[in-house]
Amino acid sequence: MAIADRRHAPRAAGRPLAMPAVLTIALVAIAVAAVLPLLQSSQATTISDNVRQLERARNDWQARTHELEAEIATLGSLDHIEKEARERLGMVPPTDTIYLIVDVPSPPEQFVPLRFLPPKQKKAEKAQSWWESLLDQLPLP
């Protein structure tokens, strides 16, 4: 009975660990050290793939933007507008010039909103010199 009690007795404070326990701890530490670089490289690969996908998407959007800018430039050209006016709207350039003579004078009031009229220039007042302002202060009969 005494031998069985010694096996299950708590370890003494100064007693070293048994060899199998030390080997188990060392193997676990080595396994963790071996798995960490694998996990880090896997995460780096995933992030790199995401970055490449985002760069491809950005390049696609930039190409689409350039295509739309080119289309806007084409649609805004005068030749294209004239062609569309002739073909789609049936418009033709004018052939005759009509002149109208108006015998009635223009109305005195402005019927155009002020925001469409050019700004009025205020007449610059002539600045008095120092001697003119001195003469103005003197009482003259």
C-alpha atoms as a PDB file:
ATOM      1  CA  MET A   1       0.000   0.000   0.000  1.00  0.00           C
ATOM      2  CA  ALA A   2       2.812   2.367   0.662  1.00  0.00           C
ATOM      3  CA  ILE A   3       4.069   2.119  -2.925  1.00  0.00           C
ATOM      4  CA  ALA A   4       0.657   2.940  -4.363  1.00  0.00           C
ATOM      5  CA  ASP A   5       0.369   5.965  -2.119  1.00  0.00           C
ATOM      6  CA  ARG A   6       3.720   7.254  -3.332  1.00  0.00           C
ATOM      7  CA  ARG A   7       2.651   7.093  -6.971  1.00  0.00           C
ATOM      8  CA  HIS A   8      -0.444   9.191  -6.425  1.00  0.00           C
ATOM      9  CA  ALA A   9       1.102  11.545  -3.929  1.00  0.00           C
ATOM     10  CA  PRO A  10       1.482  15.163  -5.005  1.00  0.00           C
ATOM     11  CA  ARG A  11       4.848  16.109  -6.466  1.00  0.00           C
ATOM     12  CA  ALA A  12       7.291  17.813  -4.169  1.00  0.00           C
ATOM     13  CA  ALA A  13       8.175  21.430  -4.857  1.00  0.00           C
ATOM     14  CA  GLY A  14      11.814  20.774  -5.831  1.00  0.00           C
ATOM     15  CA  ARG A  15      11.244  17.555  -7.772  1.00  0.00           C
ATOM     16  CA  PRO A  16      11.797  17.854 -11.618  1.00  0.00           C
ATOM     17  CA  LEU A  17       9.181  16.845 -14.197  1.00  0.00           C
ATOM     18  CA  ALA A  18       9.175  13.348 -15.571  1.00  0.00           C
ATOM     19  CA  MET A  19      10.789  12.759 -18.967  1.00  0.00           C
ATOM     20  CA  PRO A  20       7.513  11.907 -20.809  1.00  0.00           C
ATOM     21  CA  ALA A  21       5.911  15.147 -19.627  1.00  0.00           C
ATOM     22  CA  VAL A  22       8.914  17.180 -20.802  1.00  0.00           C
ATOM     23  CA  LEU A  23       8.871  15.426 -24.197  1.00  0.00           C
ATOM     24  CA  THR A  24       5.122  16.047 -24.562  1.00  0.00           C
ATOM     25  CA  ILE A  25       5.510  19.766 -23.810  1.00  0.00           C
ATOM     26  CA  ALA A  26       8.448  20.030 -26.225  1.00  0.00           C
ATOM     27  CA  LEU A  27       6.512  18.280 -29.015  1.00  0.00           C
ATOM     28  CA  VAL A  28       3.515  20.577 -28.522  1.00  0.00           C
ATOM     29  CA  ALA A  29       5.788  23.652 -28.623  1.00  0.00           C
ATOM     30  CA  ILE A  30       7.467  22.410 -31.818  1.00  0.00           C
ATOM     31  CA  ALA A  31       4.087  21.684 -33.441  1.00  0.00           C
ATOM     32  CA  VAL A  32       2.791  25.170 -32.573  1.00  0.00           C
ATOM     33  CA  ALA A  33       6.001  26.753 -33.889  1.00  0.00           C
ATOM     34  CA  ALA A  34       5.645  24.789 -37.137  1.00  0.00           C
ATOM     35  CA  VAL A  35       1.964  25.680 -37.627  1.00  0.00           C
ATOM     36  CA  LEU A  36       2.305  29.451 -36.997  1.00  0.00           C
ATOM     37  CA  PRO A  37       4.248  30.270 -40.198  1.00  0.00           C
ATOM     38  CA  LEU A  38       1.794  28.163 -42.173  1.00  0.00           C
ATOM     39  CA  LEU A  39      -1.139  30.119 -40.737  1.00  0.00           C
ATOM     40  CA  GLN A  40       0.586  33.442 -41.368  1.00  0.00           C
ATOM     41  CA  SER A  41       1.433  32.591 -44.971  1.00  0.00           C
ATOM     42  CA  SER A  42      -2.115  31.355 -45.533  1.00  0.00           C
ATOM     43  CA  GLN A  43      -3.523  34.638 -44.212  1.00  0.00           C
ATOM     44  CA  ALA A  44      -1.043  36.657 -46.307  1.00  0.00           C
ATOM     45  CA  THR A  45      -2.027  34.686 -49.410  1.00  0.00           C
ATOM     46  CA  THR A  46      -5.714  35.339 -48.758  1.00  0.00           C
ATOM     47  CA  ILE A  47      -5.123  39.076 -48.276  1.00  0.00           C
ATOM     48  CA  SER A  48      -2.963  39.224 -51.402  1.00  0.00           C
ATOM     49  CA  ASP A  49      -5.703  37.543 -53.413  1.00  0.00           C
ATOM     50  CA  ASN A  50      -8.275  40.027 -52.085  1.00  0.00           C
ATOM     51  CA  VAL A  51      -6.015  42.947 -53.027  1.00  0.00           C
ATOM     52  CA  ARG A  52      -5.596  41.573 -56.562  1.00  0.00           C
ATOM     53  CA  GLN A  53      -9.367  41.186 -56.937  1.00  0.00           C
ATOM     54  CA  LEU A  54      -9.929  44.765 -55.764  1.00  0.00           C
ATOM     55  CA  GLU A  55      -7.251  46.068 -58.146  1.00  0.00           C
ATOM     56  CA  ARG A  56      -8.919  44.225 -61.039  1.00  0.00           C
ATOM     57  CA  ALA A  57     -12.290  45.706 -60.094  1.00  0.00           C
ATOM     58  CA  ARG A  58     -10.748  49.203 -59.876  1.00  0.00           C
ATOM     59  CA  ASN A  59      -9.118  48.793 -63.294  1.00  0.00           C
ATOM     60  CA  ASP A  60     -12.435  47.639 -64.768  1.00  0.00           C
ATOM     61  CA  TRP A  61     -14.230  50.699 -63.342  1.00  0.00           C
ATOM     62  CA  GLN A  62     -11.500  53.028 -64.604  1.00  0.00           C
ATOM     63  CA  ALA A  63     -11.779  51.505 -68.083  1.00  0.00           C
ATOM     64  CA  ARG A  64     -15.571  51.924 -67.981  1.00  0.00           C
ATOM     65  CA  THR A  65     -15.142  55.553 -66.878  1.00  0.00           C
ATOM     66  CA  HIS A  66     -12.813  56.231 -69.828  1.00  0.00           C
ATOM     67  CA  GLU A  67     -15.309  54.606 -72.205  1.00  0.00           C
ATOM     68  CA  LEU A  68     -18.110  56.809 -70.871  1.00  0.00           C
ATOM     69  CA  GLU A  69     -15.954  59.938 -71.152  1.00  0.00           C
ATOM     70  CA  ALA A  70     -15.209  59.066 -74.782  1.00  0.00           C
ATOM     71  CA  GLU A  71     -18.916  58.493 -75.429  1.00  0.00           C
ATOM     72  CA  ILE A  72     -19.778  61.862 -73.865  1.00  0.00           C
ATOM     73  CA  ALA A  73     -17.186  63.580 -76.068  1.00  0.00           C
ATOM     74  CA  THR A  74     -18.628  61.875 -79.143  1.00  0.00           C
ATOM     75  CA  LEU A  75     -22.219  62.750 -78.280  1.00  0.00           C
ATOM     76  CA  GLY A  76     -21.306  66.371 -77.546  1.00  0.00           C
ATOM     77  CA  SER A  77     -19.596  67.028 -80.853  1.00  0.00           C
ATOM     78  CA  LEU A  78     -21.349  69.422 -83.229  1.00  0.00           C
ATOM     79  CA  ASP A  79     -21.221  66.951 -86.112  1.00  0.00           C
ATOM     80  CA  HIS A  80     -23.036  64.323 -84.082  1.00  0.00           C
ATOM     81  CA  ILE A  81     -25.651  66.808 -82.891  1.00  0.00           C
ATOM     82  CA  GLU A  82     -26.266  68.003 -86.450  1.00  0.00           C
ATOM     83  CA  LYS A  83     -26.552  64.422 -87.706  1.00  0.00           C
ATOM     84  CA  GLU A  84     -29.059  63.528 -84.968  1.00  0.00           C
ATOM     85  CA  ALA A  85     -31.074  66.679 -85.693  1.00  0.00           C
ATOM     86  CA  ARG A  86     -31.339  65.779 -89.380  1.00  0.00           C
ATOM     87  CA  GLU A  87     -31.976  62.044 -89.034  1.00  0.00           C
ATOM     88  CA  ARG A  88     -34.006  61.683 -85.884  1.00  0.00           C
ATOM     89  CA  LEU A  89     -35.790  65.030 -85.677  1.00  0.00           C
ATOM     90  CA  GLY A  90     -36.069  65.779 -89.399  1.00  0.00           C
ATOM     91  CA  MET A  91     -34.509  69.232 -89.087  1.00  0.00           C
ATOM     92  CA  VAL A  92     -32.839  70.986 -92.014  1.00  0.00           C
ATOM     93  CA  PRO A  93     -30.615  74.055 -92.190  1.00  0.00           C
ATOM     94  CA  PRO A  94     -32.478  77.289 -92.980  1.00  0.00           C
ATOM     95  CA  THR A  95     -32.631  78.303 -96.614  1.00  0.00           C
ATOM     96  CA  ASP A  96     -34.342  81.710 -96.395  1.00  0.00           C
ATOM     97  CA  THR A  97     -33.654  84.629 -94.126  1.00  0.00           C
ATOM     98  CA  ILE A  98     -36.730  86.510 -92.997  1.00  0.00           C
ATOM     99  CA  TYR A  99     -36.442  90.107 -91.813  1.00  0.00           C
ATOM    100  CA  LEU A 100     -39.216  91.648 -89.719  1.00  0.00           C
ATOM    101  CA  ILE A 101     -39.625  95.402 -89.469  1.00  0.00           C
ATOM    102  CA  VAL A 102     -41.208  96.582 -86.242  1.00  0.00           C
ATOM    103  CA  ASP A 103     -42.759 100.069 -86.312  1.00  0.00           C
ATOM    104  CA  VAL A 104     -43.621 100.146 -82.616  1.00  0.00           C
ATOM    105  CA  PRO A 105     -41.029 101.566 -80.205  1.00  0.00           C
ATOM    106  CA  SER A 106     -39.788  99.315 -77.428  1.00  0.00           C
ATOM    107  CA  PRO A 107     -41.559  99.609 -74.080  1.00  0.00           C
ATOM    108  CA  PRO A 108     -39.930 101.830 -71.456  1.00  0.00           C
ATOM    109  CA  GLU A 109     -40.009  99.080 -68.847  1.00  0.00           C
ATOM    110  CA  GLN A 110     -37.678  96.139 -68.796  1.00  0.00           C
ATOM    111  CA  PHE A 111     -39.558  92.853 -69.055  1.00  0.00           C
ATOM    112  CA  VAL A 112     -36.396  90.818 -68.704  1.00  0.00           C
ATOM    113  CA  PRO A 113     -35.461  89.726 -65.170  1.00  0.00           C
ATOM    114  CA  LEU A 114     -32.591  91.722 -63.769  1.00  0.00           C
ATOM    115  CA  ARG A 115     -30.408  88.653 -63.368  1.00  0.00           C
ATOM    116  CA  PHE A 116     -30.221  88.425 -67.183  1.00  0.00           C
ATOM    117  CA  LEU A 117     -29.246  92.076 -67.671  1.00  0.00           C
ATOM    118  CA  PRO A 118     -25.665  93.279 -67.470  1.00  0.00           C
ATOM    119  CA  PRO A 119     -24.840  95.022 -64.175  1.00  0.00           C
ATOM    120  CA  LYS A 120     -25.238  98.788 -64.230  1.00  0.00           C
ATOM    121  CA  GLN A 121     -22.099 100.823 -63.866  1.00  0.00           C
ATOM    122  CA  LYS A 122     -22.271 103.434 -61.133  1.00  0.00           C
ATOM    123  CA  LYS A 123     -20.815 106.791 -62.017  1.00  0.00           C
ATOM    124  CA  ALA A 124     -17.747 107.370 -59.971  1.00  0.00           C
ATOM    125  CA  GLU A 125     -18.089 110.464 -57.852  1.00  0.00           C
ATOM    126  CA  LYS A 126     -15.283 112.913 -58.184  1.00  0.00           C
ATOM    127  CA  ALA A 127     -13.238 112.858 -55.022  1.00  0.00           C
ATOM    128  CA  GLN A 128     -12.635 116.265 -53.515  1.00  0.00           C
ATOM    129  CA  SER A 129      -9.114 117.312 -52.920  1.00  0.00           C
ATOM    130  CA  TRP A 130      -8.080 118.639 -49.516  1.00  0.00           C
ATOM    131  CA  TRP A 131      -8.233 122.282 -50.558  1.00  0.00           C
ATOM    132  CA  GLU A 132     -11.773 121.893 -52.008  1.00  0.00           C
ATOM    133  CA  SER A 133     -13.020 120.403 -48.764  1.00  0.00           C
ATOM    134  CA  LEU A 134     -11.343 123.337 -46.921  1.00  0.00           C
ATOM    135  CA  LEU A 135     -13.124 125.848 -49.162  1.00  0.00           C
ATOM    136  CA  ASP A 136     -16.444 124.127 -48.524  1.00  0.00           C
ATOM    137  CA  GLN A 137     -16.030 124.696 -44.798  1.00  0.00           C
ATOM    138  CA  LEU A 138     -15.384 128.434 -45.133  1.00  0.00           C
ATOM    139  CA  PRO A 139     -18.432 130.666 -44.778  1.00  0.00           C
ATOM    140  CA  LEU A 140     -18.793 132.638 -47.986  1.00  0.00           C
ATOM    141  CA  PRO A 141     -21.367 135.418 -48.509  1.00  0.00           C
END
